Amino acid sequence: MFDPGTETAFAHRVLDAIDARAKVAMHNLANKNTPGFKRFVVEFEGELRAAIRQGRDPGEVLPRIRRDKSGSPGVNNVSEYDEISLMEKARALHEIFTRRIGGYFNNLNRAIRGQ
């Protein structure tokens, strides 16, 4: 059976992850010239895969932010190109998901009105 609460919860979590990824990329870019700064990354897709494999509700998966400690100690590991790419990807995914959610609610409204 289709559960709209589960479907919208999942879409909400995806949008949360996309938003977190964009904010983290902006934070990383703001610190690209800070000596020794180690960038942050958002983990979501791996957590989502694990939840699905384990039969858990994907709508319960939250994005996790962690520090990327790669690179030499004391050396900044922010790549401007990578962060801008992440921001652009987040923008595109946000647009896709908001259109998808909007379409879902438009269809739901049409069904309620019997159209």
PDB file of N, CA and C in Angstrom:
ATOM      1  N   MET A   1       0.837  -1.184   0.000  1.00  0.00           N
ATOM      2  CA  MET A   1       0.000   0.000   0.000  1.00  0.00           C
ATOM      3  C   MET A   1       0.882   1.248   0.000  1.00  0.00           C
ATOM      4  N   PHE A   2       0.438   2.256  -0.671  1.00  0.00           N
ATOM      5  CA  PHE A   2       1.149   3.523  -0.763  1.00  0.00           C
ATOM      6  C   PHE A   2       0.868   4.352   0.480  1.00  0.00           C
ATOM      7  N   ASP A   3       1.908   4.799   1.119  1.00  0.00           N
ATOM      8  CA  ASP A   3       1.770   5.620   2.328  1.00  0.00           C
ATOM      9  C   ASP A   3       2.332   7.003   2.043  1.00  0.00           C
ATOM     10  N   PRO A   4       1.449   8.010   1.847  1.00  0.00           N
ATOM     11  CA  PRO A   4       1.952   9.348   1.513  1.00  0.00           C
ATOM     12  C   PRO A   4       2.838   9.940   2.597  1.00  0.00           C
ATOM     13  N   GLY A   5       2.601   9.572   3.852  1.00  0.00           N
ATOM     14  CA  GLY A   5       3.443  10.083   4.930  1.00  0.00           C
ATOM     15  C   GLY A   5       4.873   9.607   4.787  1.00  0.00           C
ATOM     16  N   THR A   6       5.038   8.334   4.441  1.00  0.00           N
ATOM     17  CA  THR A   6       6.374   7.770   4.241  1.00  0.00           C
ATOM     18  C   THR A   6       7.045   8.394   3.031  1.00  0.00           C
ATOM     19  N   GLU A   7       6.278   8.546   1.943  1.00  0.00           N
ATOM     20  CA  GLU A   7       6.833   9.128   0.721  1.00  0.00           C
ATOM     21  C   GLU A   7       7.307  10.561   0.945  1.00  0.00           C
ATOM     22  N   THR A   8       6.490  11.362   1.611  1.00  0.00           N
ATOM     23  CA  THR A   8       6.889  12.754   1.832  1.00  0.00           C
ATOM     24  C   THR A   8       8.003  12.853   2.869  1.00  0.00           C
ATOM     25  N   ALA A   9       8.019  11.944   3.845  1.00  0.00           N
ATOM     26  CA  ALA A   9       9.110  11.945   4.830  1.00  0.00           C
ATOM     27  C   ALA A   9      10.437  11.653   4.143  1.00  0.00           C
ATOM     28  N   PHE A  10      10.423  10.702   3.211  1.00  0.00           N
ATOM     29  CA  PHE A  10      11.644  10.377   2.473  1.00  0.00           C
ATOM     30  C   PHE A  10      12.110  11.582   1.660  1.00  0.00           C
ATOM     31  N   ALA A  11      11.190  12.201   0.925  1.00  0.00           N
ATOM     32  CA  ALA A  11      11.551  13.373   0.120  1.00  0.00           C
ATOM     33  C   ALA A  11      12.075  14.495   1.016  1.00  0.00           C
ATOM     34  N   HIS A  12      11.479  14.664   2.179  1.00  0.00           N
ATOM     35  CA  HIS A  12      11.929  15.683   3.131  1.00  0.00           C
ATOM     36  C   HIS A  12      13.365  15.407   3.567  1.00  0.00           C
ATOM     37  N   ARG A  13      13.685  14.147   3.843  1.00  0.00           N
ATOM     38  CA  ARG A  13      15.045  13.782   4.262  1.00  0.00           C
ATOM     39  C   ARG A  13      16.045  14.027   3.137  1.00  0.00           C
ATOM     40  N   VAL A  14      15.647  13.713   1.913  1.00  0.00           N
ATOM     41  CA  VAL A  14      16.539  13.961   0.777  1.00  0.00           C
ATOM     42  C   VAL A  14      16.800  15.457   0.650  1.00  0.00           C
ATOM     43  N   LEU A  15      15.757  16.262   0.761  1.00  0.00           N
ATOM     44  CA  LEU A  15      15.940  17.717   0.688  1.00  0.00           C
ATOM     45  C   LEU A  15      16.793  18.229   1.843  1.00  0.00           C
ATOM     46  N   ASP A  16      16.641  17.636   3.025  1.00  0.00           N
ATOM     47  CA  ASP A  16      17.506  18.000   4.157  1.00  0.00           C
ATOM     48  C   ASP A  16      18.969  17.723   3.835  1.00  0.00           C
ATOM     49  N   ALA A  17      19.229  16.561   3.237  1.00  0.00           N
ATOM     50  CA  ALA A  17      20.605  16.189   2.890  1.00  0.00           C
ATOM     51  C   ALA A  17      21.168  17.129   1.829  1.00  0.00           C
ATOM     52  N   ILE A  18      20.356  17.464   0.841  1.00  0.00           N
ATOM     53  CA  ILE A  18      20.789  18.379  -0.219  1.00  0.00           C
ATOM     54  C   ILE A  18      21.109  19.748   0.375  1.00  0.00           C
ATOM     55  N   ASP A  19      20.244  20.233   1.258  1.00  0.00           N
ATOM     56  CA  ASP A  19      20.450  21.526   1.912  1.00  0.00           C
ATOM     57  C   ASP A  19      21.720  21.509   2.762  1.00  0.00           C
ATOM     58  N   ALA A  20      21.900  20.434   3.519  1.00  0.00           N
ATOM     59  CA  ALA A  20      23.105  20.319   4.358  1.00  0.00           C
ATOM     60  C   ALA A  20      24.357  20.318   3.496  1.00  0.00           C
ATOM     61  N   ARG A  21      24.304  19.605   2.374  1.00  0.00           N
ATOM     62  CA  ARG A  21      25.471  19.534   1.492  1.00  0.00           C
ATOM     63  C   ARG A  21      25.818  20.914   0.937  1.00  0.00           C
ATOM     64  N   ALA A  22      24.818  21.697   0.556  1.00  0.00           N
ATOM     65  CA  ALA A  22      25.073  23.046   0.036  1.00  0.00           C
ATOM     66  C   ALA A  22      25.657  23.947   1.124  1.00  0.00           C
ATOM     67  N   LYS A  23      25.105  23.871   2.331  1.00  0.00           N
ATOM     68  CA  LYS A  23      25.610  24.699   3.436  1.00  0.00           C
ATOM     69  C   LYS A  23      27.039  24.326   3.811  1.00  0.00           C
ATOM     70  N   VAL A  24      27.329  23.041   3.825  1.00  0.00           N
ATOM     71  CA  VAL A  24      28.683  22.584   4.151  1.00  0.00           C
ATOM     72  C   VAL A  24      29.662  23.053   3.076  1.00  0.00           C
ATOM     73  N   ALA A  25      29.263  22.966   1.813  1.00  0.00           N
ATOM     74  CA  ALA A  25      30.139  23.421   0.727  1.00  0.00           C
ATOM     75  C   ALA A  25      30.420  24.916   0.855  1.00  0.00           C
ATOM     76  N   MET A  26      29.396  25.706   1.205  1.00  0.00           N
ATOM     77  CA  MET A  26      29.606  27.148   1.396  1.00  0.00           C
ATOM     78  C   MET A  26      30.538  27.414   2.576  1.00  0.00           C
ATOM     79  N   HIS A  27      30.362  26.656   3.652  1.00  0.00           N
ATOM     80  CA  HIS A  27      31.238  26.796   4.820  1.00  0.00           C
ATOM     81  C   HIS A  27      32.680  26.450   4.445  1.00  0.00           C
ATOM     82  N   ASN A  28      32.843  25.369   3.697  1.00  0.00           N
ATOM     83  CA  ASN A  28      34.183  24.972   3.269  1.00  0.00           C
ATOM     84  C   ASN A  28      34.817  26.053   2.397  1.00  0.00           C
ATOM     85  N   LEU A  29      34.031  26.595   1.461  1.00  0.00           N
ATOM     86  CA  LEU A  29      34.559  27.660   0.595  1.00  0.00           C
ATOM     87  C   LEU A  29      34.955  28.889   1.398  1.00  0.00           C
ATOM     88  N   ALA A  30      34.175  29.213   2.413  1.00  0.00           N
ATOM     89  CA  ALA A  30      34.491  30.372   3.250  1.00  0.00           C
ATOM     90  C   ALA A  30      35.811  30.182   3.988  1.00  0.00           C
ATOM     91  N   ASN A  31      36.236  28.934   4.141  1.00  0.00           N
ATOM     92  CA  ASN A  31      37.473  28.632   4.865  1.00  0.00           C
ATOM     93  C   ASN A  31      38.591  28.123   3.959  1.00  0.00           C
ATOM     94  N   LYS A  32      38.458  28.357   2.657  1.00  0.00           N
ATOM     95  CA  LYS A  32      39.456  27.822   1.718  1.00  0.00           C
ATOM     96  C   LYS A  32      40.849  28.413   1.933  1.00  0.00           C
ATOM     97  N   ASN A  33      40.928  29.585   2.526  1.00  0.00           N
ATOM     98  CA  ASN A  33      42.236  30.205   2.773  1.00  0.00           C
ATOM     99  C   ASN A  33      42.669  30.120   4.235  1.00  0.00           C
ATOM    100  N   THR A  34      41.927  29.364   5.035  1.00  0.00           N
ATOM    101  CA  THR A  34      42.271  29.201   6.446  1.00  0.00           C
ATOM    102  C   THR A  34      43.333  28.118   6.577  1.00  0.00           C
ATOM    103  N   PRO A  35      44.510  28.452   7.047  1.00  0.00           N
ATOM    104  CA  PRO A  35      45.572  27.444   7.163  1.00  0.00           C
ATOM    105  C   PRO A  35      45.145  26.278   8.059  1.00  0.00           C
ATOM    106  N   GLY A  36      45.367  25.078   7.574  1.00  0.00           N
ATOM    107  CA  GLY A  36      45.089  23.874   8.347  1.00  0.00           C
ATOM    108  C   GLY A  36      43.628  23.461   8.413  1.00  0.00           C
ATOM    109  N   PHE A  37      42.743  24.214   7.762  1.00  0.00           N
ATOM    110  CA  PHE A  37      41.322  23.867   7.804  1.00  0.00           C
ATOM    111  C   PHE A  37      41.085  22.554   7.074  1.00  0.00           C
ATOM    112  N   LYS A  38      40.305  21.689   7.680  1.00  0.00           N
ATOM    113  CA  LYS A  38      39.902  20.431   7.057  1.00  0.00           C
ATOM    114  C   LYS A  38      38.415  20.524   6.740  1.00  0.00           C
ATOM    115  N   ARG A  39      38.085  20.253   5.501  1.00  0.00           N
ATOM    116  CA  ARG A  39      36.715  20.403   5.022  1.00  0.00           C
ATOM    117  C   ARG A  39      35.754  19.448   5.717  1.00  0.00           C
ATOM    118  N   PHE A  40      34.486  19.792   5.651  1.00  0.00           N
ATOM    119  CA  PHE A  40      33.420  18.929   6.149  1.00  0.00           C
ATOM    120  C   PHE A  40      32.742  18.271   4.957  1.00  0.00           C
ATOM    121  N   VAL A  41      32.174  17.097   5.172  1.00  0.00           N
ATOM    122  CA  VAL A  41      31.409  16.398   4.142  1.00  0.00           C
ATOM    123  C   VAL A  41      30.096  15.908   4.753  1.00  0.00           C
ATOM    124  N   VAL A  42      29.100  15.743   3.893  1.00  0.00           N
ATOM    125  CA  VAL A  42      27.794  15.227   4.312  1.00  0.00           C
ATOM    126  C   VAL A  42      27.666  13.804   3.802  1.00  0.00           C
ATOM    127  N   GLU A  43      27.337  12.903   4.707  1.00  0.00           N
ATOM    128  CA  GLU A  43      27.113  11.507   4.336  1.00  0.00           C
ATOM    129  C   GLU A  43      25.619  11.225   4.420  1.00  0.00           C
ATOM    130  N   PHE A  44      25.065  10.744   3.328  1.00  0.00           N
ATOM    131  CA  PHE A  44      23.639  10.425   3.318  1.00  0.00           C
ATOM    132  C   PHE A  44      23.347   9.170   2.498  1.00  0.00           C
ATOM    133  N   GLU A  45      23.893   9.106   1.294  1.00  0.00           N
ATOM    134  CA  GLU A  45      23.554   8.007   0.399  1.00  0.00           C
ATOM    135  C   GLU A  45      23.935   6.649   0.980  1.00  0.00           C
ATOM    136  N   GLY A  46      25.103   6.554   1.595  1.00  0.00           N
ATOM    137  CA  GLY A  46      25.531   5.301   2.211  1.00  0.00           C
ATOM    138  C   GLY A  46      24.617   4.898   3.354  1.00  0.00           C
ATOM    139  N   GLU A  47      24.227   5.888   4.162  1.00  0.00           N
ATOM    140  CA  GLU A  47      23.303   5.632   5.265  1.00  0.00           C
ATOM    141  C   GLU A  47      21.945   5.169   4.726  1.00  0.00           C
ATOM    142  N   LEU A  48      21.525   5.777   3.618  1.00  0.00           N
ATOM    143  CA  LEU A  48      20.253   5.411   3.003  1.00  0.00           C
ATOM    144  C   LEU A  48      20.293   3.975   2.479  1.00  0.00           C
ATOM    145  N   ARG A  49      21.386   3.622   1.791  1.00  0.00           N
ATOM    146  CA  ARG A  49      21.540   2.244   1.291  1.00  0.00           C
ATOM    147  C   ARG A  49      21.489   1.236   2.433  1.00  0.00           C
ATOM    148  N   ALA A  50      22.188   1.547   3.513  1.00  0.00           N
ATOM    149  CA  ALA A  50      22.213   0.644   4.672  1.00  0.00           C
ATOM    150  C   ALA A  50      20.813   0.483   5.260  1.00  0.00           C
ATOM    151  N   ALA A  51      20.068   1.565   5.354  1.00  0.00           N
ATOM    152  CA  ALA A  51      18.708   1.500   5.905  1.00  0.00           C
ATOM    153  C   ALA A  51      17.813   0.630   5.031  1.00  0.00           C
ATOM    154  N   ILE A  52      17.920   0.799   3.727  1.00  0.00           N
ATOM    155  CA  ILE A  52      17.095   0.009   2.807  1.00  0.00           C
ATOM    156  C   ILE A  52      17.463  -1.466   2.900  1.00  0.00           C
ATOM    157  N   ARG A  53      18.761  -1.768   2.936  1.00  0.00           N
ATOM    158  CA  ARG A  53      19.216  -3.165   3.060  1.00  0.00           C
ATOM    159  C   ARG A  53      18.707  -3.806   4.345  1.00  0.00           C
ATOM    160  N   GLN A  54      18.652  -3.022   5.399  1.00  0.00           N
ATOM    161  CA  GLN A  54      18.236  -3.539   6.705  1.00  0.00           C
ATOM    162  C   GLN A  54      16.722  -3.497   6.898  1.00  0.00           C
ATOM    163  N   GLY A  55      15.996  -3.026   5.888  1.00  0.00           N
ATOM    164  CA  GLY A  55      14.541  -2.975   5.973  1.00  0.00           C
ATOM    165  C   GLY A  55      14.001  -1.851   6.829  1.00  0.00           C
ATOM    166  N   ARG A  56      14.838  -0.868   7.120  1.00  0.00           N
ATOM    167  CA  ARG A  56      14.389   0.286   7.913  1.00  0.00           C
ATOM    168  C   ARG A  56      13.690   1.298   7.014  1.00  0.00           C
ATOM    169  N   ASP A  57      12.946   2.188   7.618  1.00  0.00           N
ATOM    170  CA  ASP A  57      12.230   3.235   6.896  1.00  0.00           C
ATOM    171  C   ASP A  57      13.231   4.263   6.374  1.00  0.00           C
ATOM    172  N   PRO A  58      13.312   4.456   5.038  1.00  0.00           N
ATOM    173  CA  PRO A  58      14.255   5.443   4.496  1.00  0.00           C
ATOM    174  C   PRO A  58      13.955   6.867   4.950  1.00  0.00           C
ATOM    175  N   GLY A  59      12.703   7.126   5.335  1.00  0.00           N
ATOM    176  CA  GLY A  59      12.336   8.455   5.817  1.00  0.00           C
ATOM    177  C   GLY A  59      12.935   8.796   7.166  1.00  0.00           C
ATOM    178  N   GLU A  60      13.511   7.800   7.831  1.00  0.00           N
ATOM    179  CA  GLU A  60      14.134   8.013   9.138  1.00  0.00           C
ATOM    180  C   GLU A  60      15.628   8.331   9.039  1.00  0.00           C
ATOM    181  N   VAL A  61      16.191   8.206   7.838  1.00  0.00           N
ATOM    182  CA  VAL A  61      17.633   8.416   7.656  1.00  0.00           C
ATOM    183  C   VAL A  61      17.934   9.911   7.661  1.00  0.00           C
ATOM    184  N   LEU A  62      18.888  10.297   8.472  1.00  0.00           N
ATOM    185  CA  LEU A  62      19.302  11.698   8.567  1.00  0.00           C
ATOM    186  C   LEU A  62      20.689  11.874   7.962  1.00  0.00           C
ATOM    187  N   PRO A  63      20.938  13.026   7.332  1.00  0.00           N
ATOM    188  CA  PRO A  63      22.293  13.289   6.845  1.00  0.00           C
ATOM    189  C   PRO A  63      23.250  13.470   8.019  1.00  0.00           C
ATOM    190  N   ARG A  64      24.472  12.987   7.843  1.00  0.00           N
ATOM    191  CA  ARG A  64      25.505  13.136   8.880  1.00  0.00           C
ATOM    192  C   ARG A  64      26.620  14.014   8.339  1.00  0.00           C
ATOM    193  N   ILE A  65      27.095  14.921   9.161  1.00  0.00           N
ATOM    194  CA  ILE A  65      28.211  15.789   8.778  1.00  0.00           C
ATOM    195  C   ILE A  65      29.438  15.315   9.529  1.00  0.00           C
ATOM    196  N   ARG A  66      30.522  15.120   8.784  1.00  0.00           N
ATOM    197  CA  ARG A  66      31.775  14.697   9.409  1.00  0.00           C
ATOM    198  C   ARG A  66      32.928  15.487   8.799  1.00  0.00           C
ATOM    199  N   ARG A  67      34.028  15.510   9.514  1.00  0.00           N
ATOM    200  CA  ARG A  67      35.242  16.204   9.074  1.00  0.00           C
ATOM    201  C   ARG A  67      36.028  15.276   8.157  1.00  0.00           C
ATOM    202  N   ASP A  68      36.461  15.798   7.011  1.00  0.00           N
ATOM    203  CA  ASP A  68      37.326  15.053   6.089  1.00  0.00           C
ATOM    204  C   ASP A  68      38.767  15.363   6.483  1.00  0.00           C
ATOM    205  N   LYS A  69      39.426  14.406   7.092  1.00  0.00           N
ATOM    206  CA  LYS A  69      40.786  14.635   7.597  1.00  0.00           C
ATOM    207  C   LYS A  69      41.859  14.211   6.605  1.00  0.00           C
ATOM    208  N   SER A  70      41.471  14.068   5.337  1.00  0.00           N
ATOM    209  CA  SER A  70      42.453  13.657   4.335  1.00  0.00           C
ATOM    210  C   SER A  70      43.466  14.776   4.092  1.00  0.00           C
ATOM    211  N   GLY A  71      44.577  14.403   3.532  1.00  0.00           N
ATOM    212  CA  GLY A  71      45.633  15.369   3.261  1.00  0.00           C
ATOM    213  C   GLY A  71      46.620  15.453   4.405  1.00  0.00           C
ATOM    214  N   SER A  72      47.633  16.201   4.178  1.00  0.00           N
ATOM    215  CA  SER A  72      48.689  16.349   5.181  1.00  0.00           C
ATOM    216  C   SER A  72      48.181  17.109   6.399  1.00  0.00           C
ATOM    217  N   PRO A  73      48.667  16.742   7.583  1.00  0.00           N
ATOM    218  CA  PRO A  73      48.285  17.481   8.791  1.00  0.00           C
ATOM    219  C   PRO A  73      48.701  18.950   8.671  1.00  0.00           C
ATOM    220  N   GLY A  74      47.828  19.827   9.104  1.00  0.00           N
ATOM    221  CA  GLY A  74      48.138  21.251   9.076  1.00  0.00           C
ATOM    222  C   GLY A  74      47.971  21.906   7.720  1.00  0.00           C
ATOM    223  N   VAL A  75      47.524  21.135   6.710  1.00  0.00           N
ATOM    224  CA  VAL A  75      47.345  21.679   5.362  1.00  0.00           C
ATOM    225  C   VAL A  75      45.852  21.705   5.037  1.00  0.00           C
ATOM    226  N   ASN A  76      45.389  22.817   4.501  1.00  0.00           N
ATOM    227  CA  ASN A  76      44.001  22.976   4.105  1.00  0.00           C
ATOM    228  C   ASN A  76      43.679  21.989   2.977  1.00  0.00           C
ATOM    229  N   ASN A  77      42.545  21.288   3.071  1.00  0.00           N
ATOM    230  CA  ASN A  77      42.184  20.319   2.037  1.00  0.00           C
ATOM    231  C   ASN A  77      40.945  20.725   1.240  1.00  0.00           C
ATOM    232  N   VAL A  78      40.621  22.015   1.220  1.00  0.00           N
ATOM    233  CA  VAL A  78      39.461  22.499   0.472  1.00  0.00           C
ATOM    234  C   VAL A  78      39.860  22.748  -0.976  1.00  0.00           C
ATOM    235  N   SER A  79      39.092  22.161  -1.896  1.00  0.00           N
ATOM    236  CA  SER A  79      39.265  22.411  -3.322  1.00  0.00           C
ATOM    237  C   SER A  79      38.091  23.271  -3.780  1.00  0.00           C
ATOM    238  N   GLU A  80      38.398  24.472  -4.234  1.00  0.00           N
ATOM    239  CA  GLU A  80      37.340  25.387  -4.661  1.00  0.00           C
ATOM    240  C   GLU A  80      36.486  24.747  -5.754  1.00  0.00           C
ATOM    241  N   TYR A  81      37.127  24.086  -6.695  1.00  0.00           N
ATOM    242  CA  TYR A  81      36.406  23.433  -7.793  1.00  0.00           C
ATOM    243  C   TYR A  81      35.438  22.379  -7.255  1.00  0.00           C
ATOM    244  N   ASP A  82      35.898  21.540  -6.332  1.00  0.00           N
ATOM    245  CA  ASP A  82      35.043  20.484  -5.769  1.00  0.00           C
ATOM    246  C   ASP A  82      33.850  21.066  -5.019  1.00  0.00           C
ATOM    247  N   GLU A  83      34.086  22.106  -4.250  1.00  0.00           N
ATOM    248  CA  GLU A  83      33.001  22.692  -3.453  1.00  0.00           C
ATOM    249  C   GLU A  83      31.971  23.375  -4.348  1.00  0.00           C
ATOM    250  N   ILE A  84      32.420  24.077  -5.364  1.00  0.00           N
ATOM    251  CA  ILE A  84      31.480  24.714  -6.295  1.00  0.00           C
ATOM    252  C   ILE A  84      30.691  23.646  -7.046  1.00  0.00           C
ATOM    253  N   SER A  85      31.351  22.553  -7.418  1.00  0.00           N
ATOM    254  CA  SER A  85      30.654  21.442  -8.083  1.00  0.00           C
ATOM    255  C   SER A  85      29.585  20.850  -7.173  1.00  0.00           C
ATOM    256  N   LEU A  86      29.906  20.678  -5.895  1.00  0.00           N
ATOM    257  CA  LEU A  86      28.924  20.154  -4.941  1.00  0.00           C
ATOM    258  C   LEU A  86      27.737  21.105  -4.790  1.00  0.00           C
ATOM    259  N   MET A  87      28.012  22.400  -4.768  1.00  0.00           N
ATOM    260  CA  MET A  87      26.929  23.374  -4.648  1.00  0.00           C
ATOM    261  C   MET A  87      26.023  23.335  -5.876  1.00  0.00           C
ATOM    262  N   GLU A  88      26.615  23.210  -7.052  1.00  0.00           N
ATOM    263  CA  GLU A  88      25.820  23.152  -8.284  1.00  0.00           C
ATOM    264  C   GLU A  88      24.998  21.867  -8.339  1.00  0.00           C
ATOM    265  N   LYS A  89      25.592  20.769  -7.930  1.00  0.00           N
ATOM    266  CA  LYS A  89      24.865  19.496  -7.886  1.00  0.00           C
ATOM    267  C   LYS A  89      23.706  19.596  -6.894  1.00  0.00           C
ATOM    268  N   ALA A  90      23.940  20.208  -5.747  1.00  0.00           N
ATOM    269  CA  ALA A  90      22.886  20.383  -4.744  1.00  0.00           C
ATOM    270  C   ALA A  90      21.756  21.242  -5.296  1.00  0.00           C
ATOM    271  N   ARG A  91      22.101  22.295  -6.019  1.00  0.00           N
ATOM    272  CA  ARG A  91      21.080  23.162  -6.615  1.00  0.00           C
ATOM    273  C   ARG A  91      20.212  22.379  -7.593  1.00  0.00           C
ATOM    274  N   ALA A  92      20.855  21.602  -8.467  1.00  0.00           N
ATOM    275  CA  ALA A  92      20.114  20.831  -9.467  1.00  0.00           C
ATOM    276  C   ALA A  92      19.228  19.772  -8.807  1.00  0.00           C
ATOM    277  N   LEU A  93      19.767  19.060  -7.822  1.00  0.00           N
ATOM    278  CA  LEU A  93      18.977  18.037  -7.132  1.00  0.00           C
ATOM    279  C   LEU A  93      17.814  18.650  -6.364  1.00  0.00           C
ATOM    280  N   HIS A  94      18.040  19.808  -5.769  1.00  0.00           N
ATOM    281  CA  HIS A  94      16.965  20.494  -5.045  1.00  0.00           C
ATOM    282  C   HIS A  94      15.829  20.835  -6.005  1.00  0.00           C
ATOM    283  N   GLU A  95      16.181  21.349  -7.165  1.00  0.00           N
ATOM    284  CA  GLU A  95      15.164  21.693  -8.159  1.00  0.00           C
ATOM    285  C   GLU A  95      14.391  20.451  -8.605  1.00  0.00           C
ATOM    286  N   ILE A  96      15.102  19.360  -8.858  1.00  0.00           N
ATOM    287  CA  ILE A  96      14.453  18.118  -9.291  1.00  0.00           C
ATOM    288  C   ILE A  96      13.495  17.610  -8.218  1.00  0.00           C
ATOM    289  N   PHE A  97      13.953  17.557  -6.981  1.00  0.00           N
ATOM    290  CA  PHE A  97      13.111  17.018  -5.910  1.00  0.00           C
ATOM    291  C   PHE A  97      11.936  17.925  -5.582  1.00  0.00           C
ATOM    292  N   THR A  98      12.121  19.239  -5.616  1.00  0.00           N
ATOM    293  CA  THR A  98      10.984  20.115  -5.327  1.00  0.00           C
ATOM    294  C   THR A  98       9.944  20.019  -6.441  1.00  0.00           C
ATOM    295  N   ARG A  99      10.377  19.870  -7.678  1.00  0.00           N
ATOM    296  CA  ARG A  99       9.414  19.668  -8.769  1.00  0.00           C
ATOM    297  C   ARG A  99       8.688  18.342  -8.609  1.00  0.00           C
ATOM    298  N   ARG A 100       9.425  17.313  -8.219  1.00  0.00           N
ATOM    299  CA  ARG A 100       8.809  15.996  -8.027  1.00  0.00           C
ATOM    300  C   ARG A 100       7.766  16.051  -6.909  1.00  0.00           C
ATOM    301  N   ILE A 101       8.112  16.678  -5.806  1.00  0.00           N
ATOM    302  CA  ILE A 101       7.168  16.788  -4.692  1.00  0.00           C
ATOM    303  C   ILE A 101       5.964  17.635  -5.102  1.00  0.00           C
ATOM    304  N   GLY A 102       6.218  18.727  -5.818  1.00  0.00           N
ATOM    305  CA  GLY A 102       5.117  19.563  -6.298  1.00  0.00           C
ATOM    306  C   GLY A 102       4.190  18.789  -7.217  1.00  0.00           C
ATOM    307  N   GLY A 103       4.758  17.988  -8.105  1.00  0.00           N
ATOM    308  CA  GLY A 103       3.951  17.155  -9.000  1.00  0.00           C
ATOM    309  C   GLY A 103       3.141  16.135  -8.234  1.00  0.00           C
ATOM    310  N   TYR A 104       3.742  15.560  -7.209  1.00  0.00           N
ATOM    311  CA  TYR A 104       3.042  14.584  -6.367  1.00  0.00           C
ATOM    312  C   TYR A 104       1.810  15.221  -5.734  1.00  0.00           C
ATOM    313  N   PHE A 105       1.973  16.417  -5.163  1.00  0.00           N
ATOM    314  CA  PHE A 105       0.840  17.071  -4.515  1.00  0.00           C
ATOM    315  C   PHE A 105      -0.189  17.563  -5.529  1.00  0.00           C
ATOM    316  N   ASN A 106       0.246  17.972  -6.714  1.00  0.00           N
ATOM    317  CA  ASN A 106      -0.714  18.338  -7.760  1.00  0.00           C
ATOM    318  C   ASN A 106      -1.563  17.132  -8.146  1.00  0.00           C
ATOM    319  N   ASN A 107      -0.925  15.974  -8.320  1.00  0.00           N
ATOM    320  CA  ASN A 107      -1.667  14.753  -8.652  1.00  0.00           C
ATOM    321  C   ASN A 107      -2.611  14.360  -7.523  1.00  0.00           C
ATOM    322  N   LEU A 108      -2.151  14.500  -6.302  1.00  0.00           N
ATOM    323  CA  LEU A 108      -2.987  14.184  -5.149  1.00  0.00           C
ATOM    324  C   LEU A 108      -4.212  15.097  -5.111  1.00  0.00           C
ATOM    325  N   ASN A 109      -4.013  16.383  -5.362  1.00  0.00           N
ATOM    326  CA  ASN A 109      -5.136  17.329  -5.392  1.00  0.00           C
ATOM    327  C   ASN A 109      -6.117  16.992  -6.510  1.00  0.00           C
ATOM    328  N   ARG A 110      -5.602  16.622  -7.682  1.00  0.00           N
ATOM    329  CA  ARG A 110      -6.478  16.240  -8.795  1.00  0.00           C
ATOM    330  C   ARG A 110      -7.297  15.004  -8.436  1.00  0.00           C
ATOM    331  N   ALA A 111      -6.660  14.047  -7.786  1.00  0.00           N
ATOM    332  CA  ALA A 111      -7.369  12.825  -7.394  1.00  0.00           C
ATOM    333  C   ALA A 111      -8.460  13.137  -6.368  1.00  0.00           C
ATOM    334  N   ILE A 112      -8.168  14.021  -5.447  1.00  0.00           N
ATOM    335  CA  ILE A 112      -9.159  14.396  -4.433  1.00  0.00           C
ATOM    336  C   ILE A 112     -10.357  15.082  -5.085  1.00  0.00           C
ATOM    337  N   ARG A 113     -10.074  15.924  -6.072  1.00  0.00           N
ATOM    338  CA  ARG A 113     -11.154  16.635  -6.772  1.00  0.00           C
ATOM    339  C   ARG A 113     -11.833  15.774  -7.833  1.00  0.00           C
ATOM    340  N   GLY A 114     -11.296  14.576  -8.075  1.00  0.00           N
ATOM    341  CA  GLY A 114     -11.897  13.672  -9.061  1.00  0.00           C
ATOM    342  C   GLY A 114     -11.616  14.064 -10.494  1.00  0.00           C
ATOM    343  N   GLN A 115     -10.497  14.669 -10.740  1.00  0.00           N
ATOM    344  CA  GLN A 115     -10.145  15.104 -12.103  1.00  0.00           C
ATOM    345  C   GLN A 115      -9.265  14.096 -12.785  1.00  0.00           C
TER     346      GLN A 115
END
